[in-house]
Amino acid sequence: MVLNEKNIREIENLIRLRKGGLPMQRARYLMEDLPAAGYNPLSKGLFVVIGKRHGRVLRISEDHKAAREVAGPHKGQAVMVELLPEGS
């Protein structure tokens, strides 16, 4: 099987979600919900678990200028975060 760039981004985001403590079942639900919200599941942007206890997941845009909660109690709300350069 040959992976393309989209597949690699999806796998990287899935690994990030799992390392953040998100259960596989919750990740599966997230992947099903994202297309309904107009997002391509896990292949665009950066997905980060910000609240493991409540299954809170943040999607950071590809240009790192916007963030929105895509799973959790505040789903769909914009979130204010300070994004630091890599290595900071």
N, C-alpha and C. Protein backbone atom coordinates (compact mmCIF):
# COMPACT_ATOMS: atom_id res chain seq x y z
N MET A 1 0.84 -1.18 0.00
CA MET A 1 0.00 0.00 0.00
C MET A 1 0.88 1.24 0.00
N VAL A 2 0.60 2.17 -0.88
CA VAL A 2 1.33 3.42 -0.97
C VAL A 2 0.48 4.52 -0.35
N LEU A 3 1.07 5.25 0.58
CA LEU A 3 0.36 6.33 1.23
C LEU A 3 0.66 7.64 0.53
N ASN A 4 -0.40 8.43 0.33
CA ASN A 4 -0.18 9.76 -0.24
C ASN A 4 -0.08 10.77 0.90
N GLU A 5 0.16 12.03 0.57
CA GLU A 5 0.34 13.08 1.57
C GLU A 5 -0.90 13.24 2.46
N LYS A 6 -2.09 13.12 1.89
CA LYS A 6 -3.34 13.24 2.65
C LYS A 6 -3.43 12.11 3.69
N ASN A 7 -3.12 10.89 3.27
CA ASN A 7 -3.15 9.75 4.20
C ASN A 7 -2.17 9.93 5.35
N ILE A 8 -0.99 10.43 5.03
CA ILE A 8 0.03 10.63 6.06
C ILE A 8 -0.43 11.67 7.08
N ARG A 9 -1.03 12.79 6.63
CA ARG A 9 -1.55 13.80 7.56
C ARG A 9 -2.64 13.23 8.44
N GLU A 10 -3.52 12.42 7.86
CA GLU A 10 -4.60 11.80 8.64
C GLU A 10 -4.03 10.87 9.72
N ILE A 11 -3.04 10.08 9.36
CA ILE A 11 -2.42 9.16 10.31
C ILE A 11 -1.71 9.94 11.42
N GLU A 12 -0.99 11.00 11.05
CA GLU A 12 -0.29 11.82 12.05
C GLU A 12 -1.29 12.43 13.04
N ASN A 13 -2.41 12.94 12.53
CA ASN A 13 -3.42 13.52 13.42
C ASN A 13 -4.08 12.46 14.29
N LEU A 14 -4.32 11.29 13.74
CA LEU A 14 -4.90 10.21 14.53
C LEU A 14 -3.95 9.79 15.66
N ILE A 15 -2.67 9.70 15.35
CA ILE A 15 -1.68 9.36 16.37
C ILE A 15 -1.65 10.45 17.44
N ARG A 16 -1.69 11.71 17.03
CA ARG A 16 -1.70 12.82 17.99
C ARG A 16 -2.92 12.73 18.90
N LEU A 17 -4.07 12.41 18.35
CA LEU A 17 -5.29 12.29 19.15
C LEU A 17 -5.19 11.13 20.13
N ARG A 18 -4.67 10.01 19.68
CA ARG A 18 -4.51 8.84 20.57
C ARG A 18 -3.50 9.13 21.68
N LYS A 19 -2.37 9.77 21.33
CA LYS A 19 -1.37 10.11 22.34
C LYS A 19 -1.95 11.11 23.35
N GLY A 20 -2.89 11.93 22.91
CA GLY A 20 -3.54 12.89 23.79
C GLY A 20 -4.58 12.25 24.69
N GLY A 21 -4.83 10.97 24.49
CA GLY A 21 -5.74 10.23 25.35
C GLY A 21 -7.15 10.06 24.81
N LEU A 22 -7.40 10.44 23.56
CA LEU A 22 -8.73 10.28 22.98
C LEU A 22 -8.95 8.82 22.61
N PRO A 23 -10.01 8.19 23.12
CA PRO A 23 -10.28 6.79 22.77
C PRO A 23 -10.56 6.63 21.27
N MET A 24 -10.25 5.46 20.72
CA MET A 24 -10.49 5.20 19.29
C MET A 24 -11.94 5.42 18.90
N GLN A 25 -12.88 5.01 19.74
CA GLN A 25 -14.30 5.18 19.43
C GLN A 25 -14.63 6.66 19.29
N ARG A 26 -14.07 7.49 20.16
CA ARG A 26 -14.32 8.95 20.10
C ARG A 26 -13.69 9.53 18.83
N ALA A 27 -12.50 9.04 18.48
CA ALA A 27 -11.84 9.50 17.25
C ALA A 27 -12.68 9.12 16.03
N ARG A 28 -13.26 7.94 16.07
CA ARG A 28 -14.12 7.49 14.97
C ARG A 28 -15.33 8.40 14.83
N TYR A 29 -15.98 8.74 15.95
CA TYR A 29 -17.12 9.65 15.91
C TYR A 29 -16.70 11.01 15.35
N LEU A 30 -15.53 11.48 15.76
CA LEU A 30 -15.03 12.75 15.27
C LEU A 30 -14.86 12.72 13.76
N MET A 31 -14.29 11.64 13.24
CA MET A 31 -14.09 11.51 11.79
C MET A 31 -15.42 11.47 11.04
N GLU A 32 -16.46 10.95 11.68
CA GLU A 32 -17.78 10.93 11.05
C GLU A 32 -18.45 12.30 11.11
N ASP A 33 -18.20 13.06 12.18
CA ASP A 33 -18.82 14.37 12.36
C ASP A 33 -18.18 15.47 11.52
N LEU A 34 -16.89 15.38 11.27
CA LEU A 34 -16.18 16.46 10.60
C LEU A 34 -16.73 16.81 9.21
N PRO A 35 -17.07 15.84 8.35
CA PRO A 35 -17.60 16.21 7.03
C PRO A 35 -18.90 17.02 7.13
N ALA A 36 -19.72 16.73 8.13
CA ALA A 36 -20.97 17.46 8.30
C ALA A 36 -20.70 18.93 8.66
N ALA A 37 -19.54 19.18 9.28
CA ALA A 37 -19.17 20.55 9.66
C ALA A 37 -18.34 21.22 8.57
N GLY A 38 -18.14 20.53 7.45
CA GLY A 38 -17.42 21.11 6.33
C GLY A 38 -15.92 20.88 6.35
N TYR A 39 -15.44 19.95 7.17
CA TYR A 39 -14.02 19.66 7.24
C TYR A 39 -13.73 18.32 6.59
N ASN A 40 -12.55 18.21 6.01
CA ASN A 40 -12.08 16.95 5.47
C ASN A 40 -11.47 16.17 6.64
N PRO A 41 -12.00 15.01 6.99
CA PRO A 41 -11.58 14.30 8.20
C PRO A 41 -10.07 14.17 8.37
N LEU A 42 -9.56 14.83 9.37
CA LEU A 42 -8.19 14.71 9.85
C LEU A 42 -7.08 15.03 8.85
N SER A 43 -7.40 15.41 7.62
CA SER A 43 -6.32 15.64 6.67
C SER A 43 -5.99 17.12 6.49
N LYS A 44 -6.82 18.00 7.01
CA LYS A 44 -6.54 19.44 6.88
C LYS A 44 -6.45 20.04 8.27
N GLY A 45 -5.36 20.71 8.54
CA GLY A 45 -5.16 21.31 9.84
C GLY A 45 -4.48 20.36 10.80
N LEU A 46 -4.39 20.82 12.04
CA LEU A 46 -3.73 20.07 13.10
C LEU A 46 -4.76 19.82 14.19
N PHE A 47 -4.90 18.59 14.62
CA PHE A 47 -5.88 18.22 15.64
C PHE A 47 -5.16 17.90 16.94
N VAL A 48 -5.62 18.53 18.03
CA VAL A 48 -4.97 18.39 19.32
C VAL A 48 -6.01 18.16 20.40
N VAL A 49 -5.75 17.22 21.30
CA VAL A 49 -6.63 16.99 22.45
C VAL A 49 -6.30 18.05 23.49
N ILE A 50 -7.31 18.84 23.90
CA ILE A 50 -7.06 19.88 24.91
C ILE A 50 -7.75 19.55 26.22
N GLY A 51 -8.63 18.58 26.22
CA GLY A 51 -9.31 18.18 27.44
C GLY A 51 -9.70 16.72 27.35
N LYS A 52 -8.79 15.86 27.75
CA LYS A 52 -8.99 14.41 27.63
C LYS A 52 -10.23 13.94 28.39
N ARG A 53 -10.46 14.49 29.54
CA ARG A 53 -11.57 14.04 30.38
C ARG A 53 -12.93 14.24 29.70
N HIS A 54 -13.06 15.34 28.97
CA HIS A 54 -14.33 15.64 28.30
C HIS A 54 -14.26 15.40 26.79
N GLY A 55 -13.17 14.81 26.32
CA GLY A 55 -13.03 14.52 24.90
C GLY A 55 -12.94 15.77 24.04
N ARG A 56 -12.33 16.83 24.59
CA ARG A 56 -12.22 18.09 23.86
C ARG A 56 -11.09 18.01 22.84
N VAL A 57 -11.43 18.34 21.58
CA VAL A 57 -10.44 18.31 20.51
C VAL A 57 -10.48 19.65 19.79
N LEU A 58 -9.31 20.20 19.57
CA LEU A 58 -9.14 21.48 18.91
C LEU A 58 -8.59 21.24 17.51
N ARG A 59 -9.15 21.92 16.51
CA ARG A 59 -8.61 21.87 15.16
C ARG A 59 -7.97 23.21 14.88
N ILE A 60 -6.66 23.19 14.59
CA ILE A 60 -5.92 24.40 14.27
C ILE A 60 -5.79 24.46 12.75
N SER A 61 -6.12 25.61 12.19
CA SER A 61 -6.09 25.74 10.73
C SER A 61 -4.69 25.53 10.18
N GLU A 62 -4.63 25.25 8.89
CA GLU A 62 -3.34 24.97 8.24
C GLU A 62 -2.40 26.16 8.32
N ASP A 63 -2.95 27.38 8.30
CA ASP A 63 -2.09 28.57 8.40
C ASP A 63 -1.81 28.97 9.84
N HIS A 64 -2.32 28.19 10.80
CA HIS A 64 -2.11 28.39 12.23
C HIS A 64 -2.65 29.72 12.73
N LYS A 65 -3.67 30.26 12.05
CA LYS A 65 -4.23 31.54 12.46
C LYS A 65 -5.59 31.40 13.13
N ALA A 66 -6.18 30.24 13.08
CA ALA A 66 -7.49 30.04 13.68
C ALA A 66 -7.57 28.68 14.34
N ALA A 67 -8.41 28.61 15.38
CA ALA A 67 -8.61 27.35 16.08
C ALA A 67 -10.09 27.23 16.42
N ARG A 68 -10.61 26.03 16.31
CA ARG A 68 -12.02 25.78 16.61
C ARG A 68 -12.14 24.44 17.31
N GLU A 69 -12.99 24.40 18.32
CA GLU A 69 -13.23 23.14 19.02
C GLU A 69 -14.15 22.29 18.14
N VAL A 70 -13.70 21.08 17.78
CA VAL A 70 -14.48 20.22 16.90
C VAL A 70 -15.08 19.02 17.63
N ALA A 71 -14.71 18.85 18.89
CA ALA A 71 -15.31 17.79 19.71
C ALA A 71 -15.25 18.25 21.17
N GLY A 72 -16.32 18.03 21.86
CA GLY A 72 -16.37 18.40 23.27
C GLY A 72 -17.56 19.30 23.56
N PRO A 73 -17.64 19.82 24.78
CA PRO A 73 -18.80 20.58 25.21
C PRO A 73 -18.97 21.92 24.49
N HIS A 74 -17.90 22.45 23.90
CA HIS A 74 -18.00 23.74 23.22
C HIS A 74 -17.81 23.57 21.71
N LYS A 75 -18.23 22.44 21.20
CA LYS A 75 -18.07 22.09 19.78
C LYS A 75 -18.57 23.22 18.88
N GLY A 76 -17.74 23.58 17.91
CA GLY A 76 -18.11 24.60 16.94
C GLY A 76 -17.70 26.00 17.33
N GLN A 77 -17.27 26.20 18.56
CA GLN A 77 -16.89 27.53 19.00
C GLN A 77 -15.44 27.81 18.65
N ALA A 78 -15.18 29.05 18.28
CA ALA A 78 -13.81 29.47 18.04
C ALA A 78 -13.09 29.53 19.39
N VAL A 79 -11.82 29.25 19.37
CA VAL A 79 -11.05 29.19 20.60
C VAL A 79 -9.84 30.12 20.45
N MET A 80 -9.58 30.90 21.48
CA MET A 80 -8.41 31.77 21.47
C MET A 80 -7.23 30.99 22.05
N VAL A 81 -6.20 30.82 21.24
CA VAL A 81 -4.98 30.14 21.71
C VAL A 81 -3.78 30.90 21.18
N GLU A 82 -2.69 30.85 21.92
CA GLU A 82 -1.44 31.43 21.45
C GLU A 82 -0.63 30.31 20.84
N LEU A 83 -0.33 30.43 19.56
CA LEU A 83 0.43 29.40 18.86
C LEU A 83 1.89 29.81 18.83
N LEU A 84 2.74 28.99 19.43
CA LEU A 84 4.16 29.29 19.50
C LEU A 84 4.88 28.60 18.36
N PRO A 85 5.96 29.20 17.87
CA PRO A 85 6.74 28.55 16.82
C PRO A 85 7.30 27.22 17.31
N GLU A 86 7.54 26.31 16.38
CA GLU A 86 8.12 25.02 16.74
C GLU A 86 9.43 25.22 17.46
N GLY A 87 9.68 24.39 18.45
CA GLY A 87 10.91 24.46 19.20
C GLY A 87 10.85 25.41 20.38
N SER A 88 9.72 26.08 20.58
CA SER A 88 9.61 27.03 21.69
C SER A 88 9.28 26.32 22.98
